[in-house]
Amino acid sequence: MAKFCGKCGALVENGVCPKCGAEYQGTAPFVLYKCREKARNKIKIHIIINCILWICIGALQLFDIYYIRGMFNIEIFKYIQYQHAFGAWNIAISICEIYASYDIKSKASMFVSKWEKSLVIILIVCILNLLIGNYIGFVLNLHMLYIRHIINKNKMLLISI
């Protein structure tokens, strides 16, 4: 049976890949490798988009939201007294999540475990955003539930060696 490199997919000869030089260690076939990379990239893109949008919301919260609300007649954040703190929180957490999304490959089991445990937190924040009238935050939390779904659907693919 032919052996293929788990990194580049080339036919392995004498235990060493002639294309990339990697040693054959009985790793996953090239098709599995490509599927895993596709899943990682899809998850990473969704996380980065979500975080960028949260950073935008955080920036709005850091500004004088009462001025912005009066100028554009926006009713979000109307019940929040500490919107500056929430803005800084949203920006800080989003930046940390962007950096964490680049560790999907090296820390896959921790990454998957974190997202598996996040359901209750996401739902609580989702409901709080809905109650305070932050409909954009509510939609972004729904997007986080979708990201969690993608991660759970590809769990075995992401953590397989």
N, C-alpha and C. Protein backbone atom coordinates (compact mmCIF):
# COMPACT_ATOMS: atom_id res chain seq x y z
N MET A 1 0.84 -1.18 0.00
CA MET A 1 0.00 0.00 0.00
C MET A 1 0.89 1.24 0.00
N ALA A 2 0.55 2.20 -0.81
CA ALA A 2 1.33 3.42 -0.94
C ALA A 2 1.17 4.28 0.32
N LYS A 3 2.26 4.95 0.66
CA LYS A 3 2.27 5.84 1.82
C LYS A 3 2.37 7.27 1.32
N PHE A 4 1.56 8.15 1.93
CA PHE A 4 1.55 9.55 1.53
C PHE A 4 1.93 10.43 2.71
N CYS A 5 2.61 11.50 2.41
CA CYS A 5 3.05 12.45 3.43
C CYS A 5 1.84 13.12 4.07
N GLY A 6 1.86 13.21 5.39
CA GLY A 6 0.78 13.86 6.11
C GLY A 6 0.85 15.37 6.04
N LYS A 7 1.94 15.93 5.54
CA LYS A 7 2.08 17.38 5.46
C LYS A 7 1.78 17.93 4.07
N CYS A 8 2.31 17.27 3.04
CA CYS A 8 2.13 17.83 1.69
C CYS A 8 1.39 16.89 0.75
N GLY A 9 1.23 15.63 1.10
CA GLY A 9 0.47 14.71 0.29
C GLY A 9 1.27 13.96 -0.76
N ALA A 10 2.56 14.19 -0.84
CA ALA A 10 3.39 13.52 -1.84
C ALA A 10 3.60 12.06 -1.45
N LEU A 11 3.88 11.25 -2.44
CA LEU A 11 4.16 9.83 -2.22
C LEU A 11 5.49 9.70 -1.49
N VAL A 12 5.47 8.98 -0.36
CA VAL A 12 6.66 8.83 0.48
C VAL A 12 7.49 7.65 -0.03
N GLU A 13 8.78 7.89 -0.16
CA GLU A 13 9.71 6.85 -0.59
C GLU A 13 10.73 6.62 0.52
N ASN A 14 10.90 5.38 0.93
CA ASN A 14 11.87 5.00 1.95
C ASN A 14 11.67 5.75 3.27
N GLY A 15 10.43 6.06 3.63
CA GLY A 15 10.13 6.70 4.90
C GLY A 15 10.35 8.19 4.96
N VAL A 16 10.79 8.81 3.84
CA VAL A 16 11.03 10.25 3.81
C VAL A 16 10.31 10.84 2.60
N CYS A 17 9.64 11.95 2.81
CA CYS A 17 8.94 12.62 1.72
C CYS A 17 9.95 13.31 0.81
N PRO A 18 9.92 13.01 -0.49
CA PRO A 18 10.87 13.66 -1.40
C PRO A 18 10.55 15.13 -1.66
N LYS A 19 9.32 15.52 -1.39
CA LYS A 19 8.91 16.89 -1.68
C LYS A 19 9.24 17.86 -0.54
N CYS A 20 8.87 17.49 0.70
CA CYS A 20 9.08 18.41 1.82
C CYS A 20 10.10 17.91 2.82
N GLY A 21 10.55 16.67 2.70
CA GLY A 21 11.58 16.14 3.58
C GLY A 21 11.09 15.61 4.91
N ALA A 22 9.77 15.62 5.13
CA ALA A 22 9.23 15.12 6.39
C ALA A 22 9.33 13.60 6.44
N GLU A 23 9.55 13.08 7.64
CA GLU A 23 9.61 11.63 7.81
C GLU A 23 8.19 11.09 7.93
N TYR A 24 7.97 9.92 7.33
CA TYR A 24 6.66 9.27 7.43
C TYR A 24 6.54 8.64 8.80
N GLN A 25 5.48 9.02 9.54
CA GLN A 25 5.28 8.50 10.88
C GLN A 25 3.92 7.86 11.03
N GLY A 26 3.35 7.45 9.92
CA GLY A 26 2.03 6.84 9.97
C GLY A 26 0.95 7.85 10.32
N THR A 27 1.19 9.09 9.97
CA THR A 27 0.24 10.15 10.30
C THR A 27 -0.96 10.10 9.37
N ALA A 28 -1.87 11.00 9.59
CA ALA A 28 -3.11 11.06 8.83
C ALA A 28 -2.82 11.27 7.34
N PRO A 29 -3.64 10.70 6.51
CA PRO A 29 -3.43 10.90 5.07
C PRO A 29 -3.67 12.35 4.66
N PHE A 30 -3.23 12.65 3.46
CA PHE A 30 -3.29 14.02 2.95
C PHE A 30 -4.72 14.56 2.91
N VAL A 31 -5.68 13.73 2.58
CA VAL A 31 -7.07 14.19 2.52
C VAL A 31 -7.53 14.66 3.89
N LEU A 32 -7.20 13.90 4.91
CA LEU A 32 -7.55 14.28 6.27
C LEU A 32 -6.85 15.57 6.66
N TYR A 33 -5.59 15.71 6.27
CA TYR A 33 -4.83 16.92 6.55
C TYR A 33 -5.50 18.13 5.91
N LYS A 34 -5.91 18.01 4.66
CA LYS A 34 -6.56 19.13 3.96
C LYS A 34 -7.89 19.48 4.61
N CYS A 35 -8.66 18.47 5.00
CA CYS A 35 -9.95 18.73 5.67
C CYS A 35 -9.73 19.44 7.00
N ARG A 36 -8.71 19.00 7.74
CA ARG A 36 -8.40 19.62 9.02
C ARG A 36 -8.00 21.08 8.83
N GLU A 37 -7.15 21.34 7.85
CA GLU A 37 -6.72 22.72 7.58
C GLU A 37 -7.89 23.59 7.15
N LYS A 38 -8.78 23.03 6.34
CA LYS A 38 -9.96 23.79 5.89
C LYS A 38 -10.85 24.14 7.09
N ALA A 39 -11.06 23.17 7.98
CA ALA A 39 -11.88 23.43 9.17
C ALA A 39 -11.22 24.48 10.07
N ARG A 40 -9.92 24.36 10.29
CA ARG A 40 -9.20 25.34 11.12
C ARG A 40 -9.31 26.74 10.53
N ASN A 41 -9.12 26.86 9.23
CA ASN A 41 -9.19 28.18 8.59
C ASN A 41 -10.59 28.76 8.68
N LYS A 42 -11.62 27.92 8.50
CA LYS A 42 -13.00 28.41 8.58
C LYS A 42 -13.29 28.91 9.98
N ILE A 43 -12.88 28.16 10.99
CA ILE A 43 -13.11 28.57 12.38
C ILE A 43 -12.35 29.85 12.68
N LYS A 44 -11.09 29.92 12.25
CA LYS A 44 -10.27 31.10 12.51
C LYS A 44 -10.88 32.35 11.87
N ILE A 45 -11.36 32.23 10.64
CA ILE A 45 -11.97 33.38 9.96
C ILE A 45 -13.22 33.84 10.69
N HIS A 46 -14.07 32.90 11.11
CA HIS A 46 -15.28 33.27 11.84
C HIS A 46 -14.94 33.95 13.16
N ILE A 47 -13.95 33.44 13.87
CA ILE A 47 -13.56 34.04 15.15
C ILE A 47 -13.02 35.45 14.94
N ILE A 48 -12.18 35.63 13.94
CA ILE A 48 -11.59 36.94 13.69
C ILE A 48 -12.65 37.96 13.28
N ILE A 49 -13.57 37.57 12.42
CA ILE A 49 -14.66 38.47 12.02
C ILE A 49 -15.49 38.86 13.23
N ASN A 50 -15.86 37.86 14.05
CA ASN A 50 -16.64 38.12 15.24
C ASN A 50 -15.91 39.08 16.18
N CYS A 51 -14.63 38.86 16.37
CA CYS A 51 -13.84 39.70 17.28
C CYS A 51 -13.69 41.12 16.75
N ILE A 52 -13.51 41.27 15.47
CA ILE A 52 -13.40 42.61 14.89
C ILE A 52 -14.70 43.39 15.12
N LEU A 53 -15.82 42.72 14.96
CA LEU A 53 -17.10 43.38 15.21
C LEU A 53 -17.27 43.73 16.68
N TRP A 54 -16.81 42.84 17.58
CA TRP A 54 -16.86 43.15 19.01
C TRP A 54 -15.94 44.32 19.35
N ILE A 55 -14.81 44.42 18.69
CA ILE A 55 -13.91 45.55 18.91
C ILE A 55 -14.59 46.85 18.48
N CYS A 56 -15.32 46.81 17.38
CA CYS A 56 -16.07 48.00 16.93
C CYS A 56 -17.12 48.41 17.97
N ILE A 57 -17.84 47.43 18.52
CA ILE A 57 -18.82 47.74 19.56
C ILE A 57 -18.11 48.32 20.79
N GLY A 58 -16.98 47.72 21.15
CA GLY A 58 -16.22 48.22 22.30
C GLY A 58 -15.75 49.66 22.08
N ALA A 59 -15.35 49.97 20.85
CA ALA A 59 -14.92 51.34 20.55
C ALA A 59 -16.08 52.31 20.70
N LEU A 60 -17.26 51.91 20.26
CA LEU A 60 -18.44 52.76 20.44
C LEU A 60 -18.75 52.95 21.92
N GLN A 61 -18.58 51.90 22.70
CA GLN A 61 -18.83 52.00 24.13
C GLN A 61 -17.82 52.89 24.82
N LEU A 62 -16.60 52.94 24.32
CA LEU A 62 -15.58 53.80 24.93
C LEU A 62 -15.84 55.28 24.67
N PHE A 63 -16.46 55.59 23.53
CA PHE A 63 -16.81 56.98 23.25
C PHE A 63 -17.99 57.38 24.12
N ASP A 64 -18.30 58.63 24.09
CA ASP A 64 -19.46 59.11 24.83
C ASP A 64 -20.71 58.60 24.13
N ILE A 65 -21.25 57.51 24.61
CA ILE A 65 -22.36 56.84 23.95
C ILE A 65 -23.62 57.68 23.96
N TYR A 66 -23.76 58.54 24.97
CA TYR A 66 -24.94 59.39 25.01
C TYR A 66 -24.93 60.39 23.86
N TYR A 67 -23.75 60.87 23.52
CA TYR A 67 -23.63 61.78 22.38
C TYR A 67 -23.95 61.04 21.08
N ILE A 68 -23.38 59.84 20.95
CA ILE A 68 -23.63 59.05 19.74
C ILE A 68 -25.10 58.67 19.64
N ARG A 69 -25.70 58.27 20.78
CA ARG A 69 -27.10 57.87 20.77
C ARG A 69 -28.00 59.04 20.37
N GLY A 70 -27.71 60.23 20.89
CA GLY A 70 -28.51 61.40 20.55
C GLY A 70 -28.31 61.82 19.10
N MET A 71 -27.10 61.67 18.61
CA MET A 71 -26.79 62.09 17.25
C MET A 71 -27.43 61.16 16.22
N PHE A 72 -27.38 59.86 16.47
CA PHE A 72 -27.89 58.90 15.50
C PHE A 72 -29.20 58.24 15.94
N ASN A 73 -29.71 58.66 17.11
CA ASN A 73 -30.94 58.10 17.66
C ASN A 73 -30.83 56.58 17.83
N ILE A 74 -29.70 56.12 18.37
CA ILE A 74 -29.48 54.71 18.62
C ILE A 74 -29.87 54.41 20.06
N GLU A 75 -30.65 53.39 20.28
CA GLU A 75 -31.14 53.07 21.61
C GLU A 75 -30.31 51.99 22.32
N ILE A 76 -29.23 51.53 21.70
CA ILE A 76 -28.45 50.50 22.37
C ILE A 76 -27.69 51.11 23.53
N PHE A 77 -27.38 50.33 24.49
CA PHE A 77 -26.62 50.71 25.68
C PHE A 77 -27.37 51.71 26.56
N LYS A 78 -28.68 51.86 26.40
CA LYS A 78 -29.37 52.92 27.15
C LYS A 78 -29.46 52.63 28.64
N TYR A 79 -29.33 51.39 29.06
CA TYR A 79 -29.43 51.06 30.48
C TYR A 79 -28.06 50.84 31.14
N ILE A 80 -27.02 50.94 30.38
CA ILE A 80 -25.70 50.66 30.93
C ILE A 80 -25.09 51.94 31.48
N GLN A 81 -24.72 51.91 32.75
CA GLN A 81 -24.08 53.06 33.36
C GLN A 81 -22.57 53.01 33.21
N TYR A 82 -22.03 51.83 33.02
CA TYR A 82 -20.59 51.67 32.95
C TYR A 82 -20.16 51.20 31.56
N GLN A 83 -20.66 51.88 30.54
CA GLN A 83 -20.39 51.45 29.17
C GLN A 83 -18.91 51.53 28.81
N HIS A 84 -18.16 52.42 29.45
CA HIS A 84 -16.73 52.50 29.16
C HIS A 84 -16.01 51.23 29.60
N ALA A 85 -16.39 50.72 30.76
CA ALA A 85 -15.77 49.47 31.25
C ALA A 85 -16.14 48.30 30.34
N PHE A 86 -17.40 48.26 29.91
CA PHE A 86 -17.81 47.19 28.99
C PHE A 86 -17.08 47.31 27.66
N GLY A 87 -16.85 48.53 27.21
CA GLY A 87 -16.12 48.73 25.97
C GLY A 87 -14.70 48.23 26.05
N ALA A 88 -14.02 48.57 27.16
CA ALA A 88 -12.65 48.09 27.35
C ALA A 88 -12.63 46.57 27.47
N TRP A 89 -13.62 46.01 28.17
CA TRP A 89 -13.73 44.55 28.31
C TRP A 89 -13.91 43.88 26.94
N ASN A 90 -14.83 44.40 26.13
CA ASN A 90 -15.08 43.82 24.80
C ASN A 90 -13.82 43.86 23.93
N ILE A 91 -13.10 44.95 23.98
CA ILE A 91 -11.88 45.08 23.16
C ILE A 91 -10.81 44.12 23.66
N ALA A 92 -10.60 44.06 24.98
CA ALA A 92 -9.55 43.19 25.53
C ALA A 92 -9.84 41.72 25.26
N ILE A 93 -11.07 41.30 25.49
CA ILE A 93 -11.43 39.89 25.26
C ILE A 93 -11.31 39.55 23.78
N SER A 94 -11.72 40.46 22.91
CA SER A 94 -11.65 40.20 21.47
C SER A 94 -10.21 40.05 20.99
N ILE A 95 -9.33 40.90 21.48
CA ILE A 95 -7.92 40.79 21.10
C ILE A 95 -7.34 39.46 21.57
N CYS A 96 -7.68 39.06 22.80
CA CYS A 96 -7.21 37.76 23.31
C CYS A 96 -7.74 36.61 22.47
N GLU A 97 -9.00 36.68 22.04
CA GLU A 97 -9.59 35.62 21.23
C GLU A 97 -8.95 35.55 19.84
N ILE A 98 -8.59 36.69 19.29
CA ILE A 98 -7.90 36.68 17.99
C ILE A 98 -6.57 35.96 18.12
N TYR A 99 -5.80 36.28 19.16
CA TYR A 99 -4.53 35.59 19.37
C TYR A 99 -4.74 34.10 19.63
N ALA A 100 -5.78 33.75 20.39
CA ALA A 100 -6.05 32.35 20.70
C ALA A 100 -6.44 31.57 19.44
N SER A 101 -7.06 32.26 18.48
CA SER A 101 -7.48 31.56 17.26
C SER A 101 -6.29 31.08 16.44
N TYR A 102 -5.13 31.69 16.63
CA TYR A 102 -3.93 31.25 15.91
C TYR A 102 -3.29 30.03 16.57
N ASP A 103 -3.78 29.63 17.75
CA ASP A 103 -3.25 28.45 18.43
C ASP A 103 -4.11 27.21 18.20
N ILE A 104 -5.03 27.27 17.26
CA ILE A 104 -5.88 26.11 17.01
C ILE A 104 -5.04 24.89 16.69
N LYS A 105 -4.01 25.07 15.92
CA LYS A 105 -3.19 23.94 15.48
C LYS A 105 -2.36 23.36 16.62
N SER A 106 -1.69 24.21 17.38
CA SER A 106 -0.78 23.72 18.40
C SER A 106 -1.48 23.31 19.70
N LYS A 107 -2.60 23.92 20.00
CA LYS A 107 -3.31 23.62 21.25
C LYS A 107 -4.76 23.25 20.96
N ALA A 108 -4.95 22.32 20.04
CA ALA A 108 -6.29 21.98 19.56
C ALA A 108 -7.20 21.44 20.66
N SER A 109 -6.70 20.56 21.51
CA SER A 109 -7.57 19.97 22.53
C SER A 109 -8.01 21.02 23.56
N MET A 110 -7.11 21.93 23.94
CA MET A 110 -7.49 23.01 24.86
C MET A 110 -8.49 23.96 24.20
N PHE A 111 -8.26 24.25 22.93
CA PHE A 111 -9.14 25.15 22.19
C PHE A 111 -10.55 24.56 22.11
N VAL A 112 -10.65 23.30 21.74
CA VAL A 112 -11.95 22.63 21.63
C VAL A 112 -12.63 22.56 22.99
N SER A 113 -11.87 22.21 24.02
CA SER A 113 -12.42 22.12 25.37
C SER A 113 -12.98 23.45 25.85
N LYS A 114 -12.27 24.54 25.57
CA LYS A 114 -12.73 25.87 25.97
C LYS A 114 -14.07 26.20 25.32
N TRP A 115 -14.18 25.91 24.03
CA TRP A 115 -15.42 26.22 23.33
C TRP A 115 -16.55 25.28 23.72
N GLU A 116 -16.23 24.05 24.10
CA GLU A 116 -17.28 23.14 24.58
C GLU A 116 -17.90 23.65 25.87
N LYS A 117 -17.09 24.23 26.73
CA LYS A 117 -17.55 24.72 28.03
C LYS A 117 -18.20 26.10 27.95
N SER A 118 -18.18 26.73 26.81
CA SER A 118 -18.61 28.12 26.69
C SER A 118 -20.10 28.32 26.46
N LEU A 119 -20.88 27.26 26.34
CA LEU A 119 -22.29 27.39 25.99
C LEU A 119 -23.07 28.26 26.98
N VAL A 120 -22.94 28.00 28.26
CA VAL A 120 -23.70 28.74 29.27
C VAL A 120 -23.31 30.21 29.26
N ILE A 121 -22.03 30.49 29.18
CA ILE A 121 -21.57 31.88 29.18
C ILE A 121 -22.09 32.63 27.96
N ILE A 122 -22.02 31.99 26.80
CA ILE A 122 -22.51 32.63 25.57
C ILE A 122 -24.01 32.91 25.69
N LEU A 123 -24.78 31.96 26.21
CA LEU A 123 -26.22 32.16 26.35
C LEU A 123 -26.55 33.26 27.35
N ILE A 124 -25.83 33.32 28.46
CA ILE A 124 -26.07 34.39 29.45
C ILE A 124 -25.78 35.76 28.85
N VAL A 125 -24.64 35.89 28.18
CA VAL A 125 -24.29 37.18 27.57
C VAL A 125 -25.27 37.52 26.45
N CYS A 126 -25.72 36.52 25.73
CA CYS A 126 -26.70 36.71 24.66
C CYS A 126 -28.01 37.30 25.24
N ILE A 127 -28.49 36.71 26.32
CA ILE A 127 -29.73 37.18 26.96
C ILE A 127 -29.53 38.58 27.55
N LEU A 128 -28.38 38.81 28.18
CA LEU A 128 -28.12 40.15 28.74
C LEU A 128 -28.09 41.21 27.64
N ASN A 129 -27.46 40.90 26.52
CA ASN A 129 -27.44 41.86 25.41
C ASN A 129 -28.84 42.12 24.90
N LEU A 130 -29.67 41.12 24.86
CA LEU A 130 -31.04 41.29 24.41
C LEU A 130 -31.83 42.14 25.40
N LEU A 131 -31.62 41.91 26.69
CA LEU A 131 -32.36 42.66 27.72
C LEU A 131 -31.98 44.14 27.75
N ILE A 132 -30.72 44.46 27.51
CA ILE A 132 -30.31 45.87 27.56
C ILE A 132 -30.52 46.59 26.23
N GLY A 133 -30.97 45.86 25.24
CA GLY A 133 -31.25 46.49 23.95
C GLY A 133 -30.07 46.53 23.01
N ASN A 134 -29.03 45.79 23.30
CA ASN A 134 -27.86 45.74 22.41
C ASN A 134 -28.08 44.60 21.42
N TYR A 135 -28.84 44.90 20.39
CA TYR A 135 -29.22 43.86 19.42
C TYR A 135 -28.04 43.43 18.57
N ILE A 136 -27.09 44.32 18.37
CA ILE A 136 -25.88 43.94 17.63
C ILE A 136 -25.08 42.91 18.43
N GLY A 137 -24.95 43.15 19.73
CA GLY A 137 -24.27 42.20 20.60
C GLY A 137 -25.00 40.87 20.66
N PHE A 138 -26.33 40.91 20.63
CA PHE A 138 -27.14 39.69 20.61
C PHE A 138 -26.83 38.87 19.35
N VAL A 139 -26.79 39.54 18.21
CA VAL A 139 -26.50 38.85 16.95
C VAL A 139 -25.08 38.29 16.95
N LEU A 140 -24.13 39.04 17.49
CA LEU A 140 -22.75 38.55 17.56
C LEU A 140 -22.63 37.33 18.48
N ASN A 141 -23.43 37.30 19.54
CA ASN A 141 -23.44 36.11 20.40
C ASN A 141 -24.07 34.92 19.68
N LEU A 142 -25.07 35.16 18.85
CA LEU A 142 -25.61 34.07 18.04
C LEU A 142 -24.54 33.55 17.09
N HIS A 143 -23.72 34.46 16.56
CA HIS A 143 -22.62 34.04 15.69
C HIS A 143 -21.61 33.20 16.48
N MET A 144 -21.39 33.56 17.74
CA MET A 144 -20.49 32.76 18.58
C MET A 144 -21.06 31.36 18.81
N LEU A 145 -22.38 31.25 18.92
CA LEU A 145 -22.99 29.92 19.03
C LEU A 145 -22.77 29.12 17.75
N TYR A 146 -22.80 29.81 16.60
CA TYR A 146 -22.53 29.13 15.33
C TYR A 146 -21.07 28.66 15.27
N ILE A 147 -20.15 29.50 15.74
CA ILE A 147 -18.73 29.11 15.78
C ILE A 147 -18.58 27.88 16.67
N ARG A 148 -19.24 27.89 17.82
CA ARG A 148 -19.18 26.74 18.73
C ARG A 148 -19.72 25.49 18.04
N HIS A 149 -20.78 25.64 17.27
CA HIS A 149 -21.34 24.51 16.53
C HIS A 149 -20.33 23.95 15.52
N ILE A 150 -19.65 24.84 14.80
CA ILE A 150 -18.65 24.39 13.83
C ILE A 150 -17.52 23.64 14.54
N ILE A 151 -17.09 24.15 15.67
CA ILE A 151 -16.01 23.51 16.42
C ILE A 151 -16.45 22.14 16.92
N ASN A 152 -17.66 22.05 17.47
CA ASN A 152 -18.15 20.76 17.95
C ASN A 152 -18.35 19.76 16.81
N LYS A 153 -18.78 20.26 15.67
CA LYS A 153 -18.98 19.38 14.51
C LYS A 153 -17.65 18.81 14.01
N ASN A 154 -16.59 19.60 14.12
CA ASN A 154 -15.26 19.18 13.64
C ASN A 154 -14.32 18.79 14.77
N LYS A 155 -14.87 18.50 15.93
CA LYS A 155 -14.08 18.20 17.12
C LYS A 155 -13.06 17.09 16.88
N MET A 156 -13.50 15.96 16.40
CA MET A 156 -12.60 14.83 16.21
C MET A 156 -11.55 15.11 15.14
N LEU A 157 -11.94 15.87 14.14
CA LEU A 157 -11.01 16.23 13.08
C LEU A 157 -9.92 17.17 13.61
N LEU A 158 -10.32 18.11 14.47
CA LEU A 158 -9.36 19.09 14.99
C LEU A 158 -8.37 18.49 15.97
N ILE A 159 -8.81 17.56 16.80
CA ILE A 159 -7.90 17.04 17.83
C ILE A 159 -7.19 15.76 17.42
N SER A 160 -7.53 15.23 16.24
CA SER A 160 -6.82 14.02 15.79
C SER A 160 -5.38 14.36 15.41
N ILE A 161 -4.52 13.40 15.59
CA ILE A 161 -3.09 13.62 15.30
C ILE A 161 -2.80 13.36 13.86
